Amino acid sequence: MHALIDKTGRVIETAAVPFDVHPDFRWIEAPGHVQTGHVYADGRFTAPAVSLPLAEKPAMTGQEAAAVSATPASSFSETPVTATAEPETKAGPEREIQAEPFQRLEIHIHLHR
């Protein structure tokens, strides 16, 4: 697979076979998980940051709000929830693709009464 990179390093297209493009763009061989929106810098593809807009989060139902209100504060953990992000990958003129260690993403959730 190949990724079409713009001047800012952002992947704007992926294709099995590269085709002619404007000189402001370039094709780079990429691993299969690379998608539009990834960033290519220093020989690595990185997934874009994930943002979770609060406005799109559905409001709690009355039953859910009552359950949260009835839960003692002492039952909520202070330990952060963690998740693993997609690995960065390297691709260069030598056409080697090498996985890097997973990045760690921490999500802290605070509930207030």
C-alpha atoms as a PDB file:
ATOM      1  CA  MET A   1       0.000   0.000   0.000  1.00  0.00           C
ATOM      2  CA  HIS A   2       1.072   3.578  -0.605  1.00  0.00           C
ATOM      3  CA  ALA A   3       0.114   6.807   1.156  1.00  0.00           C
ATOM      4  CA  LEU A   4      -0.186  10.149  -0.626  1.00  0.00           C
ATOM      5  CA  ILE A   5       1.400  12.823   1.587  1.00  0.00           C
ATOM      6  CA  ASP A   6       0.744  16.576   1.325  1.00  0.00           C
ATOM      7  CA  LYS A   7       3.222  19.389   2.164  1.00  0.00           C
ATOM      8  CA  THR A   8       2.226  19.299   5.854  1.00  0.00           C
ATOM      9  CA  GLY A   9       2.934  15.560   6.124  1.00  0.00           C
ATOM     10  CA  ARG A  10      -0.708  14.527   6.351  1.00  0.00           C
ATOM     11  CA  VAL A  11      -1.939  11.404   4.530  1.00  0.00           C
ATOM     12  CA  ILE A  12      -4.651  12.540   2.124  1.00  0.00           C
ATOM     13  CA  GLU A  13      -5.129   9.312   0.139  1.00  0.00           C
ATOM     14  CA  THR A  14      -4.071   5.666   0.149  1.00  0.00           C
ATOM     15  CA  ALA A  15      -3.792   3.378  -2.882  1.00  0.00           C
ATOM     16  CA  ALA A  16      -2.426  -0.033  -3.792  1.00  0.00           C
ATOM     17  CA  VAL A  17      -0.665   1.456  -6.819  1.00  0.00           C
ATOM     18  CA  PRO A  18       0.635   5.059  -6.868  1.00  0.00           C
ATOM     19  CA  PHE A  19      -0.466   7.310  -9.717  1.00  0.00           C
ATOM     20  CA  ASP A  20       0.809  10.642 -11.055  1.00  0.00           C
ATOM     21  CA  VAL A  21       0.141  13.586  -8.752  1.00  0.00           C
ATOM     22  CA  HIS A  22       1.040  17.263  -8.489  1.00  0.00           C
ATOM     23  CA  PRO A  23       4.674  17.890  -7.398  1.00  0.00           C
ATOM     24  CA  ASP A  24       3.414  19.272  -4.054  1.00  0.00           C
ATOM     25  CA  PHE A  25       2.427  15.692  -3.112  1.00  0.00           C
ATOM     26  CA  ARG A  26       4.475  12.514  -2.783  1.00  0.00           C
ATOM     27  CA  TRP A  27       3.840   8.794  -2.465  1.00  0.00           C
ATOM     28  CA  ILE A  28       5.390   6.826   0.412  1.00  0.00           C
ATOM     29  CA  GLU A  29       5.161   3.062   0.874  1.00  0.00           C
ATOM     30  CA  ALA A  30       2.996   2.507   3.945  1.00  0.00           C
ATOM     31  CA  PRO A  31       1.827  -0.353   6.154  1.00  0.00           C
ATOM     32  CA  GLY A  32      -1.768  -1.542   5.772  1.00  0.00           C
ATOM     33  CA  HIS A  33      -3.196   0.239   8.833  1.00  0.00           C
ATOM     34  CA  VAL A  34      -2.310   3.747   7.582  1.00  0.00           C
ATOM     35  CA  GLN A  35      -5.414   5.774   6.711  1.00  0.00           C
ATOM     36  CA  THR A  36      -6.364   9.242   5.543  1.00  0.00           C
ATOM     37  CA  GLY A  37      -5.569  11.688   8.361  1.00  0.00           C
ATOM     38  CA  HIS A  38      -2.440   9.906   9.625  1.00  0.00           C
ATOM     39  CA  VAL A  39       0.705  12.063   9.788  1.00  0.00           C
ATOM     40  CA  TYR A  40       4.042  11.150   8.197  1.00  0.00           C
ATOM     41  CA  ALA A  41       7.096  12.717   9.851  1.00  0.00           C
ATOM     42  CA  ASP A  42      10.687  11.570  10.361  1.00  0.00           C
ATOM     43  CA  GLY A  43       9.978   8.320   8.487  1.00  0.00           C
ATOM     44  CA  ARG A  44       7.014   7.402  10.728  1.00  0.00           C
ATOM     45  CA  PHE A  45       3.258   7.262  10.293  1.00  0.00           C
ATOM     46  CA  THR A  46       1.273   8.354  13.335  1.00  0.00           C
ATOM     47  CA  ALA A  47      -2.476   8.083  13.836  1.00  0.00           C
ATOM     48  CA  PRO A  48      -4.234  11.423  14.372  1.00  0.00           C
ATOM     49  CA  ALA A  49      -5.179  12.437  17.904  1.00  0.00           C
ATOM     50  CA  VAL A  50      -8.626  11.299  18.904  1.00  0.00           C
ATOM     51  CA  SER A  51     -10.947  13.951  20.252  1.00  0.00           C
ATOM     52  CA  LEU A  52     -14.229  13.170  21.919  1.00  0.00           C
ATOM     53  CA  PRO A  53     -16.471  16.233  21.711  1.00  0.00           C
ATOM     54  CA  LEU A  54     -18.534  16.557  24.861  1.00  0.00           C
ATOM     55  CA  ALA A  55     -21.442  18.038  22.919  1.00  0.00           C
ATOM     56  CA  GLU A  56     -21.993  14.716  21.134  1.00  0.00           C
ATOM     57  CA  LYS A  57     -22.106  12.703  24.361  1.00  0.00           C
ATOM     58  CA  PRO A  58     -25.687  11.711  25.071  1.00  0.00           C
ATOM     59  CA  ALA A  59     -27.111  13.017  28.343  1.00  0.00           C
ATOM     60  CA  MET A  60     -27.659  10.564  31.175  1.00  0.00           C
ATOM     61  CA  THR A  61     -31.117   9.201  31.598  1.00  0.00           C
ATOM     62  CA  GLY A  62     -32.896   9.929  34.860  1.00  0.00           C
ATOM     63  CA  GLN A  63     -32.278   6.336  35.958  1.00  0.00           C
ATOM     64  CA  GLU A  64     -28.520   6.605  35.223  1.00  0.00           C
ATOM     65  CA  ALA A  65     -28.265   9.933  37.066  1.00  0.00           C
ATOM     66  CA  ALA A  66     -30.066   8.450  40.080  1.00  0.00           C
ATOM     67  CA  ALA A  67     -27.671   5.481  40.108  1.00  0.00           C
ATOM     68  CA  VAL A  68     -24.622   7.785  40.054  1.00  0.00           C
ATOM     69  CA  SER A  69     -26.094  10.001  42.795  1.00  0.00           C
ATOM     70  CA  ALA A  70     -26.792   6.969  44.970  1.00  0.00           C
ATOM     71  CA  THR A  71     -23.225   5.647  44.655  1.00  0.00           C
ATOM     72  CA  PRO A  72     -20.951   6.652  47.550  1.00  0.00           C
ATOM     73  CA  ALA A  73     -17.940   8.732  46.463  1.00  0.00           C
ATOM     74  CA  SER A  74     -15.643   6.253  48.212  1.00  0.00           C
ATOM     75  CA  SER A  75     -16.553   3.582  45.636  1.00  0.00           C
ATOM     76  CA  PHE A  76     -14.992   5.541  42.753  1.00  0.00           C
ATOM     77  CA  SER A  77     -11.370   4.651  42.073  1.00  0.00           C
ATOM     78  CA  GLU A  78      -8.632   7.274  41.866  1.00  0.00           C
ATOM     79  CA  THR A  79      -6.687   4.997  39.488  1.00  0.00           C
ATOM     80  CA  PRO A  80      -6.654   6.368  35.916  1.00  0.00           C
ATOM     81  CA  VAL A  81      -8.135   4.239  33.141  1.00  0.00           C
ATOM     82  CA  THR A  82      -5.564   3.488  30.448  1.00  0.00           C
ATOM     83  CA  ALA A  83      -5.833   2.368  26.839  1.00  0.00           C
ATOM     84  CA  THR A  84      -3.282   1.506  24.191  1.00  0.00           C
ATOM     85  CA  ALA A  85      -2.998   3.594  21.020  1.00  0.00           C
ATOM     86  CA  GLU A  86      -2.062   2.324  17.580  1.00  0.00           C
ATOM     87  CA  PRO A  87       1.711   1.804  17.137  1.00  0.00           C
ATOM     88  CA  GLU A  88       3.797   4.175  15.071  1.00  0.00           C
ATOM     89  CA  THR A  89       5.462   2.638  12.047  1.00  0.00           C
ATOM     90  CA  LYS A  90       8.582   3.506  10.131  1.00  0.00           C
ATOM     91  CA  ALA A  91       8.901   3.480   6.372  1.00  0.00           C
ATOM     92  CA  GLY A  92      11.838   4.813   4.432  1.00  0.00           C
ATOM     93  CA  PRO A  93      13.497   4.669   1.049  1.00  0.00           C
ATOM     94  CA  GLU A  94      14.838   1.223   1.968  1.00  0.00           C
ATOM     95  CA  ARG A  95      11.170   0.148   2.171  1.00  0.00           C
ATOM     96  CA  GLU A  96      11.516  -1.428   5.600  1.00  0.00           C
ATOM     97  CA  ILE A  97       8.511  -1.294   7.860  1.00  0.00           C
ATOM     98  CA  GLN A  98       9.169  -1.666  11.558  1.00  0.00           C
ATOM     99  CA  ALA A  99       6.711  -1.448  14.433  1.00  0.00           C
ATOM    100  CA  GLU A 100       7.503   0.755  17.402  1.00  0.00           C
ATOM    101  CA  PRO A 101       6.326   0.093  20.970  1.00  0.00           C
ATOM    102  CA  PHE A 102       2.723   0.968  21.712  1.00  0.00           C
ATOM    103  CA  GLN A 103       1.984   4.444  23.022  1.00  0.00           C
ATOM    104  CA  ARG A 104       0.019   4.797  26.237  1.00  0.00           C
ATOM    105  CA  LEU A 105      -3.125   6.859  26.457  1.00  0.00           C
ATOM    106  CA  GLU A 106      -4.484   7.821  29.860  1.00  0.00           C
ATOM    107  CA  ILE A 107      -8.056   8.894  30.404  1.00  0.00           C
ATOM    108  CA  HIS A 108      -9.048  10.485  33.712  1.00  0.00           C
ATOM    109  CA  ILE A 109     -12.719  10.635  34.551  1.00  0.00           C
ATOM    110  CA  HIS A 110     -13.953  12.727  37.479  1.00  0.00           C
ATOM    111  CA  LEU A 111     -17.565  12.567  38.574  1.00  0.00           C
ATOM    112  CA  HIS A 112     -19.020  15.314  40.757  1.00  0.00           C
ATOM    113  CA  ARG A 113     -22.259  15.290  42.706  1.00  0.00           C
END
